[in-house]
């Protein structure tokens, strides 16, 4: 049962990380909703959410301010720079992890190529 809980908390951490870094639902410095609201919106228990938040605090994504709440860090880790931050905790690489890495690299690569393309290249 413990393994299943750890897996669910990792999935929850991944999803919350996506909401913060990729979807920008919670910008840097913003306060997250309270524990009850956030656990309900994510469809997980408060215990699972707490484990996920602890994980993201350790990664520098979230800050807990006693008596005030949980906040998104002012300076978020750059997902393109440190791809091992989340994966290093896992004992094995899953296909989902590889797809997530592609989602980090490929859009940034395409955007850079578009910015650097000549008019002729853009016509092609």
PDB file of N, CA and C in Angstrom:
ATOM      1  N   UNK A   1       0.820  -1.203   0.000  1.00  0.00           N
ATOM      2  CA  UNK A   1       0.000   0.000   0.000  1.00  0.00           C
ATOM      3  C   UNK A   1       0.859   1.260   0.000  1.00  0.00           C
ATOM      4  N   UNK A   2       1.990   1.222   0.733  1.00  0.00           N
ATOM      5  CA  UNK A   2       2.879   2.381   0.793  1.00  0.00           C
ATOM      6  C   UNK A   2       3.405   2.748  -0.593  1.00  0.00           C
ATOM      7  N   UNK A   3       3.750   1.734  -1.407  1.00  0.00           N
ATOM      8  CA  UNK A   3       4.244   1.984  -2.752  1.00  0.00           C
ATOM      9  C   UNK A   3       3.218   2.677  -3.616  1.00  0.00           C
ATOM     10  N   UNK A   4       1.967   2.279  -3.465  1.00  0.00           N
ATOM     11  CA  UNK A   4       0.899   2.902  -4.228  1.00  0.00           C
ATOM     12  C   UNK A   4       0.713   4.356  -3.822  1.00  0.00           C
ATOM     13  N   UNK A   5       0.791   4.639  -2.515  1.00  0.00           N
ATOM     14  CA  UNK A   5       0.652   6.009  -2.037  1.00  0.00           C
ATOM     15  C   UNK A   5       1.784   6.877  -2.572  1.00  0.00           C
ATOM     16  N   UNK A   6       3.019   6.344  -2.537  1.00  0.00           N
ATOM     17  CA  UNK A   6       4.161   7.098  -3.054  1.00  0.00           C
ATOM     18  C   UNK A   6       3.966   7.395  -4.534  1.00  0.00           C
ATOM     19  N   UNK A   7       3.479   6.414  -5.265  1.00  0.00           N
ATOM     20  CA  UNK A   7       3.256   6.610  -6.685  1.00  0.00           C
ATOM     21  C   UNK A   7       2.194   7.684  -6.921  1.00  0.00           C
ATOM     22  N   UNK A   8       1.114   7.661  -6.160  1.00  0.00           N
ATOM     23  CA  UNK A   8       0.060   8.657  -6.311  1.00  0.00           C
ATOM     24  C   UNK A   8       0.570  10.044  -5.932  1.00  0.00           C
ATOM     25  N   UNK A   9       1.373  10.131  -4.883  1.00  0.00           N
ATOM     26  CA  UNK A   9       1.903  11.442  -4.494  1.00  0.00           C
ATOM     27  C   UNK A   9       2.873  11.966  -5.550  1.00  0.00           C
ATOM     28  N   UNK A  10       3.636  11.074  -6.200  1.00  0.00           N
ATOM     29  CA  UNK A  10       4.513  11.494  -7.296  1.00  0.00           C
ATOM     30  C   UNK A  10       3.690  12.011  -8.470  1.00  0.00           C
ATOM     31  N   UNK A  11       2.621  11.299  -8.785  1.00  0.00           N
ATOM     32  CA  UNK A  11       1.755  11.737  -9.881  1.00  0.00           C
ATOM     33  C   UNK A  11       1.130  13.091  -9.558  1.00  0.00           C
ATOM     34  N   UNK A  12       0.740  13.264  -8.309  1.00  0.00           N
ATOM     35  CA  UNK A  12       0.146  14.528  -7.876  1.00  0.00           C
ATOM     36  C   UNK A  12       1.180  15.649  -7.950  1.00  0.00           C
ATOM     37  N   UNK A  13       2.410  15.363  -7.527  1.00  0.00           N
ATOM     38  CA  UNK A  13       3.488  16.352  -7.618  1.00  0.00           C
ATOM     39  C   UNK A  13       3.741  16.728  -9.078  1.00  0.00           C
ATOM     40  N   UNK A  14       3.759  15.724  -9.954  1.00  0.00           N
ATOM     41  CA  UNK A  14       3.961  15.989 -11.386  1.00  0.00           C
ATOM     42  C   UNK A  14       2.858  16.888 -11.934  1.00  0.00           C
ATOM     43  N   UNK A  15       1.616  16.577 -11.565  1.00  0.00           N
ATOM     44  CA  UNK A  15       0.485  17.355 -12.074  1.00  0.00           C
ATOM     45  C   UNK A  15       0.519  18.783 -11.546  1.00  0.00           C
ATOM     46  N   UNK A  16       0.803  18.944 -10.265  1.00  0.00           N
ATOM     47  CA  UNK A  16       0.874  20.274  -9.679  1.00  0.00           C
ATOM     48  C   UNK A  16       2.026  21.065 -10.298  1.00  0.00           C
ATOM     49  N   UNK A  17       3.135  20.397 -10.546  1.00  0.00           N
ATOM     50  CA  UNK A  17       4.281  21.023 -11.210  1.00  0.00           C
ATOM     51  C   UNK A  17       3.873  21.522 -12.604  1.00  0.00           C
ATOM     52  N   UNK A  18       3.125  20.703 -13.341  1.00  0.00           N
ATOM     53  CA  UNK A  18       2.647  21.110 -14.665  1.00  0.00           C
ATOM     54  C   UNK A  18       1.739  22.330 -14.561  1.00  0.00           C
ATOM     55  N   UNK A  19       0.845  22.335 -13.582  1.00  0.00           N
ATOM     56  CA  UNK A  19      -0.056  23.468 -13.393  1.00  0.00           C
ATOM     57  C   UNK A  19       0.727  24.752 -13.129  1.00  0.00           C
ATOM     58  N   UNK A  20       1.818  24.642 -12.397  1.00  0.00           N
ATOM     59  CA  UNK A  20       2.612  25.809 -12.018  1.00  0.00           C
ATOM     60  C   UNK A  20       3.541  26.245 -13.142  1.00  0.00           C
ATOM     61  N   UNK A  21       4.345  25.322 -13.653  1.00  0.00           N
ATOM     62  CA  UNK A  21       5.408  25.674 -14.587  1.00  0.00           C
ATOM     63  C   UNK A  21       4.927  25.739 -16.031  1.00  0.00           C
ATOM     64  N   UNK A  22       4.130  24.774 -16.452  1.00  0.00           N
ATOM     65  CA  UNK A  22       3.745  24.712 -17.853  1.00  0.00           C
ATOM     66  C   UNK A  22       2.447  25.466 -18.150  1.00  0.00           C
ATOM     67  N   UNK A  23       1.435  25.264 -17.314  1.00  0.00           N
ATOM     68  CA  UNK A  23       0.140  25.895 -17.564  1.00  0.00           C
ATOM     69  C   UNK A  23       0.024  27.284 -16.942  1.00  0.00           C
ATOM     70  N   UNK A  24       0.942  27.620 -16.051  1.00  0.00           N
ATOM     71  CA  UNK A  24       0.976  28.932 -15.391  1.00  0.00           C
ATOM     72  C   UNK A  24      -0.312  29.271 -14.651  1.00  0.00           C
ATOM     73  N   UNK A  25      -0.954  28.243 -14.086  1.00  0.00           N
ATOM     74  CA  UNK A  25      -2.163  28.489 -13.286  1.00  0.00           C
ATOM     75  C   UNK A  25      -1.827  29.299 -12.040  1.00  0.00           C
ATOM     76  N   UNK A  26      -0.635  29.059 -11.509  1.00  0.00           N
ATOM     77  CA  UNK A  26      -0.179  29.749 -10.303  1.00  0.00           C
ATOM     78  C   UNK A  26       1.171  30.380 -10.607  1.00  0.00           C
ATOM     79  N   UNK A  27       1.207  31.697 -10.840  1.00  0.00           N
ATOM     80  CA  UNK A  27       2.473  32.352 -11.193  1.00  0.00           C
ATOM     81  C   UNK A  27       3.430  32.434 -10.004  1.00  0.00           C
ATOM     82  N   UNK A  28       4.718  32.682 -10.270  1.00  0.00           N
ATOM     83  CA  UNK A  28       5.687  32.813  -9.185  1.00  0.00           C
ATOM     84  C   UNK A  28       5.236  33.828  -8.139  1.00  0.00           C
ATOM     85  N   UNK A  29       5.385  33.452  -6.882  1.00  0.00           N
ATOM     86  CA  UNK A  29       5.002  34.325  -5.771  1.00  0.00           C
ATOM     87  C   UNK A  29       3.556  34.214  -5.342  1.00  0.00           C
ATOM     88  N   UNK A  30       2.723  33.529  -6.136  1.00  0.00           N
ATOM     89  CA  UNK A  30       1.301  33.443  -5.794  1.00  0.00           C
ATOM     90  C   UNK A  30       1.052  32.368  -4.737  1.00  0.00           C
ATOM     91  N   UNK A  31      -0.034  32.556  -4.023  1.00  0.00           N
ATOM     92  CA  UNK A  31      -0.430  31.608  -2.978  1.00  0.00           C
ATOM     93  C   UNK A  31      -1.304  30.522  -3.585  1.00  0.00           C
ATOM     94  N   UNK A  32      -1.037  29.274  -3.204  1.00  0.00           N
ATOM     95  CA  UNK A  32      -1.885  28.168  -3.659  1.00  0.00           C
ATOM     96  C   UNK A  32      -3.196  28.202  -2.875  1.00  0.00           C
ATOM     97  N   UNK A  33      -4.255  27.628  -3.434  1.00  0.00           N
ATOM     98  CA  UNK A  33      -5.501  27.503  -2.675  1.00  0.00           C
ATOM     99  C   UNK A  33      -5.255  26.689  -1.405  1.00  0.00           C
ATOM    100  N   UNK A  34      -6.179  26.801  -0.449  1.00  0.00           N
ATOM    101  CA  UNK A  34      -5.982  26.036   0.790  1.00  0.00           C
ATOM    102  C   UNK A  34      -6.014  24.537   0.488  1.00  0.00           C
ATOM    103  N   UNK A  35      -5.533  23.786   1.451  1.00  0.00           N
ATOM    104  CA  UNK A  35      -5.356  22.341   1.290  1.00  0.00           C
ATOM    105  C   UNK A  35      -6.651  21.633   0.892  1.00  0.00           C
ATOM    106  N   UNK A  36      -7.762  22.001   1.513  1.00  0.00           N
ATOM    107  CA  UNK A  36      -9.038  21.356   1.189  1.00  0.00           C
ATOM    108  C   UNK A  36      -9.441  21.610  -0.263  1.00  0.00           C
ATOM    109  N   UNK A  37      -9.350  22.854  -0.695  1.00  0.00           N
ATOM    110  CA  UNK A  37      -9.738  23.201  -2.063  1.00  0.00           C
ATOM    111  C   UNK A  37      -8.832  22.521  -3.087  1.00  0.00           C
ATOM    112  N   UNK A  38      -7.519  22.583  -2.842  1.00  0.00           N
ATOM    113  CA  UNK A  38      -6.577  22.025  -3.803  1.00  0.00           C
ATOM    114  C   UNK A  38      -6.689  20.505  -3.885  1.00  0.00           C
ATOM    115  N   UNK A  39      -6.838  19.835  -2.735  1.00  0.00           N
ATOM    116  CA  UNK A  39      -6.965  18.374  -2.776  1.00  0.00           C
ATOM    117  C   UNK A  39      -8.250  17.973  -3.497  1.00  0.00           C
ATOM    118  N   UNK A  40      -9.305  18.744  -3.296  1.00  0.00           N
ATOM    119  CA  UNK A  40     -10.573  18.452  -3.981  1.00  0.00           C
ATOM    120  C   UNK A  40     -10.439  18.667  -5.490  1.00  0.00           C
ATOM    121  N   UNK A  41      -9.811  19.774  -5.892  1.00  0.00           N
ATOM    122  CA  UNK A  41      -9.677  20.043  -7.330  1.00  0.00           C
ATOM    123  C   UNK A  41      -8.749  19.044  -8.016  1.00  0.00           C
ATOM    124  N   UNK A  42      -7.810  18.472  -7.265  1.00  0.00           N
ATOM    125  CA  UNK A  42      -6.902  17.482  -7.845  1.00  0.00           C
ATOM    126  C   UNK A  42      -7.436  16.062  -7.700  1.00  0.00           C
ATOM    127  N   UNK A  43      -8.489  15.883  -6.912  1.00  0.00           N
ATOM    128  CA  UNK A  43      -9.082  14.567  -6.735  1.00  0.00           C
ATOM    129  C   UNK A  43      -8.224  13.611  -5.924  1.00  0.00           C
ATOM    130  N   UNK A  44      -7.494  14.159  -4.945  1.00  0.00           N
ATOM    131  CA  UNK A  44      -6.637  13.336  -4.091  1.00  0.00           C
ATOM    132  C   UNK A  44      -6.900  13.678  -2.628  1.00  0.00           C
ATOM    133  N   UNK A  45      -6.423  12.815  -1.742  1.00  0.00           N
ATOM    134  CA  UNK A  45      -6.579  13.075  -0.312  1.00  0.00           C
ATOM    135  C   UNK A  45      -5.634  14.190   0.121  1.00  0.00           C
ATOM    136  N   UNK A  46      -5.913  14.768   1.268  1.00  0.00           N
ATOM    137  CA  UNK A  46      -5.036  15.813   1.811  1.00  0.00           C
ATOM    138  C   UNK A  46      -3.661  15.235   2.135  1.00  0.00           C
ATOM    139  N   UNK A  47      -3.614  13.983   2.561  1.00  0.00           N
ATOM    140  CA  UNK A  47      -2.328  13.336   2.860  1.00  0.00           C
ATOM    141  C   UNK A  47      -1.482  13.230   1.601  1.00  0.00           C
ATOM    142  N   UNK A  48      -2.086  12.790   0.514  1.00  0.00           N
ATOM    143  CA  UNK A  48      -1.372  12.681  -0.764  1.00  0.00           C
ATOM    144  C   UNK A  48      -0.898  14.049  -1.216  1.00  0.00           C
ATOM    145  N   UNK A  49      -1.769  15.052  -1.082  1.00  0.00           N
ATOM    146  CA  UNK A  49      -1.398  16.410  -1.468  1.00  0.00           C
ATOM    147  C   UNK A  49      -0.225  16.909  -0.633  1.00  0.00           C
ATOM    148  N   UNK A  50      -0.259  16.656   0.670  1.00  0.00           N
ATOM    149  CA  UNK A  50       0.847  17.088   1.543  1.00  0.00           C
ATOM    150  C   UNK A  50       2.168  16.466   1.110  1.00  0.00           C
ATOM    151  N   UNK A  51       2.142  15.178   0.754  1.00  0.00           N
ATOM    152  CA  UNK A  51       3.362  14.504   0.295  1.00  0.00           C
ATOM    153  C   UNK A  51       3.866  15.141  -1.002  1.00  0.00           C
ATOM    154  N   UNK A  52       2.948  15.434  -1.904  1.00  0.00           N
ATOM    155  CA  UNK A  52       3.322  16.059  -3.180  1.00  0.00           C
ATOM    156  C   UNK A  52       3.909  17.452  -2.939  1.00  0.00           C
ATOM    157  N   UNK A  53       3.297  18.211  -2.053  1.00  0.00           N
ATOM    158  CA  UNK A  53       3.792  19.552  -1.743  1.00  0.00           C
ATOM    159  C   UNK A  53       5.178  19.468  -1.114  1.00  0.00           C
ATOM    160  N   UNK A  54       5.375  18.523  -0.199  1.00  0.00           N
ATOM    161  CA  UNK A  54       6.694  18.350   0.421  1.00  0.00           C
ATOM    162  C   UNK A  54       7.759  18.066  -0.630  1.00  0.00           C
ATOM    163  N   UNK A  55       7.409  17.247  -1.594  1.00  0.00           N
ATOM    164  CA  UNK A  55       8.329  16.928  -2.674  1.00  0.00           C
ATOM    165  C   UNK A  55       8.684  18.185  -3.470  1.00  0.00           C
ATOM    166  N   UNK A  56       7.667  19.001  -3.798  1.00  0.00           N
ATOM    167  CA  UNK A  56       7.908  20.206  -4.589  1.00  0.00           C
ATOM    168  C   UNK A  56       8.641  21.278  -3.784  1.00  0.00           C
ATOM    169  N   UNK A  57       8.445  21.289  -2.472  1.00  0.00           N
ATOM    170  CA  UNK A  57       9.220  22.191  -1.616  1.00  0.00           C
ATOM    171  C   UNK A  57      10.693  21.806  -1.695  1.00  0.00           C
ATOM    172  N   UNK A  58      10.977  20.516  -1.623  1.00  0.00           N
ATOM    173  CA  UNK A  58      12.358  20.031  -1.692  1.00  0.00           C
ATOM    174  C   UNK A  58      13.004  20.355  -3.035  1.00  0.00           C
ATOM    175  N   UNK A  59      12.205  20.457  -4.085  1.00  0.00           N
ATOM    176  CA  UNK A  59      12.721  20.771  -5.419  1.00  0.00           C
ATOM    177  C   UNK A  59      12.828  22.276  -5.665  1.00  0.00           C
ATOM    178  N   UNK A  60      12.380  23.089  -4.697  1.00  0.00           N
ATOM    179  CA  UNK A  60      12.467  24.540  -4.853  1.00  0.00           C
ATOM    180  C   UNK A  60      11.342  25.155  -5.649  1.00  0.00           C
ATOM    181  N   UNK A  61      10.270  24.397  -5.869  1.00  0.00           N
ATOM    182  CA  UNK A  61       9.131  24.902  -6.644  1.00  0.00           C
ATOM    183  C   UNK A  61       8.145  25.639  -5.739  1.00  0.00           C
ATOM    184  N   UNK A  62       7.981  25.159  -4.506  1.00  0.00           N
ATOM    185  CA  UNK A  62       7.041  25.754  -3.556  1.00  0.00           C
ATOM    186  C   UNK A  62       7.756  26.175  -2.275  1.00  0.00           C
ATOM    187  N   UNK A  63       7.159  27.147  -1.589  1.00  0.00           N
ATOM    188  CA  UNK A  63       7.632  27.587  -0.274  1.00  0.00           C
ATOM    189  C   UNK A  63       6.457  27.524   0.684  1.00  0.00           C
ATOM    190  N   UNK A  64       6.691  26.966   1.860  1.00  0.00           N
ATOM    191  CA  UNK A  64       5.655  26.950   2.892  1.00  0.00           C
ATOM    192  C   UNK A  64       5.988  28.062   3.883  1.00  0.00           C
ATOM    193  N   UNK A  65       5.024  28.946   4.107  1.00  0.00           N
ATOM    194  CA  UNK A  65       5.192  30.025   5.080  1.00  0.00           C
ATOM    195  C   UNK A  65       4.224  29.753   6.219  1.00  0.00           C
ATOM    196  N   UNK A  66       4.776  29.395   7.354  1.00  0.00           N
ATOM    197  CA  UNK A  66       3.959  29.033   8.521  1.00  0.00           C
ATOM    198  C   UNK A  66       2.944  30.125   8.832  1.00  0.00           C
ATOM    199  N   UNK A  67       1.696  29.699   8.945  1.00  0.00           N
ATOM    200  CA  UNK A  67       0.618  30.622   9.279  1.00  0.00           C
ATOM    201  C   UNK A  67       0.095  31.423   8.104  1.00  0.00           C
ATOM    202  N   UNK A  68       0.747  31.320   6.947  1.00  0.00           N
ATOM    203  CA  UNK A  68       0.320  32.100   5.778  1.00  0.00           C
ATOM    204  C   UNK A  68      -0.122  31.223   4.621  1.00  0.00           C
ATOM    205  N   UNK A  69       0.493  30.040   4.481  1.00  0.00           N
ATOM    206  CA  UNK A  69       0.112  29.140   3.409  1.00  0.00           C
ATOM    207  C   UNK A  69       1.282  28.666   2.579  1.00  0.00           C
ATOM    208  N   UNK A  70       0.942  28.085   1.439  1.00  0.00           N
ATOM    209  CA  UNK A  70       1.937  27.560   0.514  1.00  0.00           C
ATOM    210  C   UNK A  70       1.982  28.466  -0.707  1.00  0.00           C
ATOM    211  N   UNK A  71       3.190  28.865  -1.078  1.00  0.00           N
ATOM    212  CA  UNK A  71       3.378  29.810  -2.170  1.00  0.00           C
ATOM    213  C   UNK A  71       4.288  29.221  -3.236  1.00  0.00           C
ATOM    214  N   UNK A  72       4.047  29.646  -4.483  1.00  0.00           N
ATOM    215  CA  UNK A  72       4.941  29.280  -5.576  1.00  0.00           C
ATOM    216  C   UNK A  72       6.215  30.093  -5.389  1.00  0.00           C
ATOM    217  N   UNK A  73       7.356  29.450  -5.542  1.00  0.00           N
ATOM    218  CA  UNK A  73       8.640  30.136  -5.386  1.00  0.00           C
ATOM    219  C   UNK A  73       8.737  31.309  -6.358  1.00  0.00           C
ATOM    220  N   UNK A  74       9.394  32.372  -5.911  1.00  0.00           N
ATOM    221  CA  UNK A  74       9.579  33.551  -6.766  1.00  0.00           C
ATOM    222  C   UNK A  74      10.434  33.211  -7.991  1.00  0.00           C
ATOM    223  N   UNK A  75      11.403  32.348  -7.783  1.00  0.00           N
ATOM    224  CA  UNK A  75      12.315  31.948  -8.849  1.00  0.00           C
ATOM    225  C   UNK A  75      12.169  30.450  -9.045  1.00  0.00           C
ATOM    226  N   UNK A  76      11.469  30.057 -10.091  1.00  0.00           N
ATOM    227  CA  UNK A  76      11.238  28.638 -10.352  1.00  0.00           C
ATOM    228  C   UNK A  76      12.425  27.992 -11.031  1.00  0.00           C
ATOM    229  N   UNK A  77      12.664  26.712 -10.714  1.00  0.00           N
ATOM    230  CA  UNK A  77      13.712  25.987 -11.439  1.00  0.00           C
ATOM    231  C   UNK A  77      13.360  25.962 -12.921  1.00  0.00           C
ATOM    232  N   UNK A  78      14.351  26.121 -13.769  1.00  0.00           N
ATOM    233  CA  UNK A  78      14.140  26.097 -15.209  1.00  0.00           C
ATOM    234  C   UNK A  78      14.038  24.649 -15.669  1.00  0.00           C
ATOM    235  N   UNK A  79      12.865  24.214 -16.164  1.00  0.00           N
ATOM    236  CA  UNK A  79      12.706  22.812 -16.545  1.00  0.00           C
ATOM    237  C   UNK A  79      13.639  22.395 -17.676  1.00  0.00           C
ATOM    238  N   UNK A  80      14.073  23.334 -18.505  1.00  0.00           N
ATOM    239  CA  UNK A  80      14.978  23.001 -19.585  1.00  0.00           C
ATOM    240  C   UNK A  80      16.414  22.823 -19.123  1.00  0.00           C
ATOM    241  N   UNK A  81      16.714  23.316 -17.934  1.00  0.00           N
ATOM    242  CA  UNK A  81      18.089  23.260 -17.447  1.00  0.00           C
ATOM    243  C   UNK A  81      18.349  22.031 -16.576  1.00  0.00           C
ATOM    244  N   UNK A  82      17.406  21.652 -15.727  1.00  0.00           N
ATOM    245  CA  UNK A  82      17.651  20.559 -14.792  1.00  0.00           C
ATOM    246  C   UNK A  82      16.571  19.505 -14.932  1.00  0.00           C
ATOM    247  N   UNK A  83      16.715  18.672 -15.917  1.00  0.00           N
ATOM    248  CA  UNK A  83      15.699  17.666 -16.197  1.00  0.00           C
ATOM    249  C   UNK A  83      15.738  16.505 -15.220  1.00  0.00           C
ATOM    250  N   UNK A  84      16.763  16.411 -14.405  1.00  0.00           N
ATOM    251  CA  UNK A  84      16.867  15.304 -13.468  1.00  0.00           C
ATOM    252  C   UNK A  84      16.246  15.625 -12.119  1.00  0.00           C
ATOM    253  N   UNK A  85      15.783  16.858 -11.915  1.00  0.00           N
ATOM    254  CA  UNK A  85      15.273  17.260 -10.603  1.00  0.00           C
ATOM    255  C   UNK A  85      14.157  16.338 -10.121  1.00  0.00           C
ATOM    256  N   UNK A  86      13.192  16.067 -10.957  1.00  0.00           N
ATOM    257  CA  UNK A  86      12.092  15.196 -10.547  1.00  0.00           C
ATOM    258  C   UNK A  86      12.410  13.727 -10.813  1.00  0.00           C
ATOM    259  N   UNK A  87      13.057  13.439 -11.915  1.00  0.00           N
ATOM    260  CA  UNK A  87      13.313  12.054 -12.293  1.00  0.00           C
ATOM    261  C   UNK A  87      14.325  11.373 -11.381  1.00  0.00           C
ATOM    262  N   UNK A  88      15.197  12.137 -10.741  1.00  0.00           N
ATOM    263  CA  UNK A  88      16.223  11.548  -9.895  1.00  0.00           C
ATOM    264  C   UNK A  88      15.663  10.822  -8.696  1.00  0.00           C
ATOM    265  N   UNK A  89      14.453  11.138  -8.301  1.00  0.00           N
ATOM    266  CA  UNK A  89      13.841  10.509  -7.140  1.00  0.00           C
ATOM    267  C   UNK A  89      13.292   9.136  -7.499  1.00  0.00           C
ATOM    268  N   UNK A  90      13.020   8.926  -8.737  1.00  0.00           N
ATOM    269  CA  UNK A  90      12.437   7.657  -9.165  1.00  0.00           C
ATOM    270  C   UNK A  90      13.520   6.630  -9.436  1.00  0.00           C
ATOM    271  N   UNK A  91      13.174   5.384  -9.228  1.00  0.00           N
ATOM    272  CA  UNK A  91      14.166   4.337  -9.406  1.00  0.00           C
ATOM    273  C   UNK A  91      14.260   3.854 -10.850  1.00  0.00           C
ATOM    274  N   UNK A  92      13.254   4.136 -11.658  1.00  0.00           N
ATOM    275  CA  UNK A  92      13.318   3.688 -13.048  1.00  0.00           C
ATOM    276  C   UNK A  92      12.647   4.713 -13.950  1.00  0.00           C
ATOM    277  N   UNK A  93      13.047   4.709 -15.198  1.00  0.00           N
ATOM    278  CA  UNK A  93      12.485   5.634 -16.175  1.00  0.00           C
ATOM    279  C   UNK A  93      11.261   4.981 -16.793  1.00  0.00           C
ATOM    280  N   UNK A  94      10.204   5.731 -16.866  1.00  0.00           N
ATOM    281  CA  UNK A  94       8.979   5.239 -17.490  1.00  0.00           C
ATOM    282  C   UNK A  94       8.765   5.965 -18.815  1.00  0.00           C
ATOM    283  N   UNK A  95       7.977   5.381 -19.668  1.00  0.00           N
ATOM    284  CA  UNK A  95       7.686   5.997 -20.961  1.00  0.00           C
ATOM    285  C   UNK A  95       7.084   7.383 -20.772  1.00  0.00           C
ATOM    286  N   UNK A  96       6.235   7.529 -19.752  1.00  0.00           N
ATOM    287  CA  UNK A  96       5.620   8.830 -19.479  1.00  0.00           C
ATOM    288  C   UNK A  96       6.680   9.891 -19.220  1.00  0.00           C
ATOM    289  N   UNK A  97       7.746   9.520 -18.506  1.00  0.00           N
ATOM    290  CA  UNK A  97       8.826  10.466 -18.227  1.00  0.00           C
ATOM    291  C   UNK A  97       9.495  10.936 -19.516  1.00  0.00           C
ATOM    292  N   UNK A  98       9.693   9.996 -20.449  1.00  0.00           N
ATOM    293  CA  UNK A  98      10.322  10.358 -21.713  1.00  0.00           C
ATOM    294  C   UNK A  98       9.440  11.296 -22.523  1.00  0.00           C
ATOM    295  N   UNK A  99       8.134  11.058 -22.509  1.00  0.00           N
ATOM    296  CA  UNK A  99       7.222  11.952 -23.211  1.00  0.00           C
ATOM    297  C   UNK A  99       7.211  13.331 -22.567  1.00  0.00           C
ATOM    298  N   UNK A 100       7.273  13.377 -21.244  1.00  0.00           N
ATOM    299  CA  UNK A 100       7.327  14.670 -20.558  1.00  0.00           C
ATOM    300  C   UNK A 100       8.595  15.429 -20.931  1.00  0.00           C
ATOM    301  N   UNK A 101       9.705  14.728 -21.043  1.00  0.00           N
ATOM    302  CA  UNK A 101      10.948  15.381 -21.451  1.00  0.00           C
ATOM    303  C   UNK A 101      10.819  15.940 -22.862  1.00  0.00           C
ATOM    304  N   UNK A 102      10.175  15.185 -23.736  1.00  0.00           N
ATOM    305  CA  UNK A 102       9.974  15.678 -25.100  1.00  0.00           C
ATOM    306  C   UNK A 102       9.102  16.925 -25.090  1.00  0.00           C
ATOM    307  N   UNK A 103       8.103  16.965 -24.217  1.00  0.00           N
ATOM    308  CA  UNK A 103       7.239  18.149 -24.129  1.00  0.00           C
ATOM    309  C   UNK A 103       8.003  19.369 -23.639  1.00  0.00           C
ATOM    310  N   UNK A 104       9.059  19.166 -22.902  1.00  0.00           N
ATOM    311  CA  UNK A 104       9.888  20.279 -22.451  1.00  0.00           C
ATOM    312  C   UNK A 104      10.789  20.759 -23.588  1.00  0.00           C
ATOM    313  N   UNK A 105      11.445  19.827 -24.258  1.00  0.00           N
ATOM    314  CA  UNK A 105      12.422  20.185 -25.287  1.00  0.00           C
ATOM    315  C   UNK A 105      11.809  20.654 -26.598  1.00  0.00           C
ATOM    316  N   UNK A 106      10.858  19.898 -27.117  1.00  0.00           N
ATOM    317  CA  UNK A 106      10.405  20.140 -28.476  1.00  0.00           C
ATOM    318  C   UNK A 106       9.725  21.489 -28.690  1.00  0.00           C
ATOM    319  N   UNK A 107       8.782  21.928 -27.849  1.00  0.00           N
ATOM    320  CA  UNK A 107       8.185  23.245 -28.094  1.00  0.00           C
ATOM    321  C   UNK A 107       9.223  24.377 -28.033  1.00  0.00           C
ATOM    322  N   UNK A 108      10.159  24.285 -27.106  1.00  0.00           N
ATOM    323  CA  UNK A 108      11.201  25.318 -27.006  1.00  0.00           C
ATOM    324  C   UNK A 108      12.086  25.308 -28.242  1.00  0.00           C
ATOM    325  N   UNK A 109      12.385  24.123 -28.762  1.00  0.00           N
ATOM    326  CA  UNK A 109      13.217  24.006 -29.956  1.00  0.00           C
ATOM    327  C   UNK A 109      12.508  24.594 -31.170  1.00  0.00           C
ATOM    328  N   UNK A 110      11.228  24.305 -31.327  1.00  0.00           N
ATOM    329  CA  UNK A 110      10.448  24.834 -32.446  1.00  0.00           C
ATOM    330  C   UNK A 110      10.345  26.358 -32.347  1.00  0.00           C
ATOM    331  N   UNK A 111      10.093  26.870 -31.160  1.00  0.00           N
ATOM    332  CA  UNK A 111       9.993  28.320 -30.974  1.00  0.00           C
ATOM    333  C   UNK A 111      11.308  28.998 -31.338  1.00  0.00           C
ATOM    334  N   UNK A 112      12.415  28.438 -30.909  1.00  0.00           N
ATOM    335  CA  UNK A 112      13.726  28.996 -31.224  1.00  0.00           C
ATOM    336  C   UNK A 112      13.994  28.947 -32.723  1.00  0.00           C
ATOM    337  N   UNK A 113      13.648  27.838 -33.349  1.00  0.00           N
ATOM    338  CA  UNK A 113      13.841  27.711 -34.799  1.00  0.00           C
ATOM    339  C   UNK A 113      13.010  28.746 -35.551  1.00  0.00           C
ATOM    340  N   UNK A 114      11.784  28.991 -35.089  1.00  0.00           N
ATOM    341  CA  UNK A 114      10.920  29.985 -35.739  1.00  0.00           C
ATOM    342  C   UNK A 114      11.490  31.392 -35.600  1.00  0.00           C
ATOM    343  N   UNK A 115      12.024  31.700 -34.421  1.00  0.00           N
ATOM    344  CA  UNK A 115      12.598  33.036 -34.212  1.00  0.00           C
ATOM    345  C   UNK A 115      13.841  33.259 -35.071  1.00  0.00           C
ATOM    346  N   UNK A 116      14.606  32.212 -35.299  1.00  0.00           N
ATOM    347  CA  UNK A 116      15.863  32.336 -36.027  1.00  0.00           C
ATOM    348  C   UNK A 116      15.722  32.090 -37.519  1.00  0.00           C
ATOM    349  N   UNK A 117      14.581  31.665 -37.967  1.00  0.00           N
ATOM    350  CA  UNK A 117      14.391  31.304 -39.378  1.00  0.00           C
ATOM    351  C   UNK A 117      14.414  32.539 -40.265  1.00  0.00           C
ATOM    352  N   UNK A 118      14.974  32.349 -41.452  1.00  0.00           N
ATOM    353  CA  UNK A 118      14.950  33.412 -42.456  1.00  0.00           C
ATOM    354  C   UNK A 118      13.569  33.434 -43.111  1.00  0.00           C
ATOM    355  N   UNK A 119      13.289  34.485 -43.875  1.00  0.00           N
ATOM    356  CA  UNK A 119      11.993  34.567 -44.570  1.00  0.00           C
ATOM    357  C   UNK A 119      11.804  33.376 -45.501  1.00  0.00           C
ATOM    358  N   UNK A 120      12.886  32.978 -46.192  1.00  0.00           N
ATOM    359  CA  UNK A 120      12.818  31.841 -47.098  1.00  0.00           C
ATOM    360  C   UNK A 120      12.491  30.556 -46.346  1.00  0.00           C
ATOM    361  N   UNK A 121      13.135  30.364 -45.208  1.00  0.00           N
ATOM    362  CA  UNK A 121      12.868  29.166 -44.388  1.00  0.00           C
ATOM    363  C   UNK A 121      11.433  29.161 -43.867  1.00  0.00           C
ATOM    364  N   UNK A 122      10.921  30.325 -43.509  1.00  0.00           N
ATOM    365  CA  UNK A 122       9.547  30.400 -43.017  1.00  0.00           C
ATOM    366  C   UNK A 122       8.544  30.068 -44.129  1.00  0.00           C
ATOM    367  N   UNK A 123       8.836  30.435 -45.370  1.00  0.00           N
ATOM    368  CA  UNK A 123       7.952  30.094 -46.485  1.00  0.00           C
ATOM    369  C   UNK A 123       7.870  28.608 -46.705  1.00  0.00           C
ATOM    370  N   UNK A 124       8.990  27.919 -46.473  1.00  0.00           N
ATOM    371  CA  UNK A 124       9.013  26.461 -46.655  1.00  0.00           C
ATOM    372  C   UNK A 124       8.122  25.829 -45.625  1.00  0.00           C
TER     373      UNK A 124
END
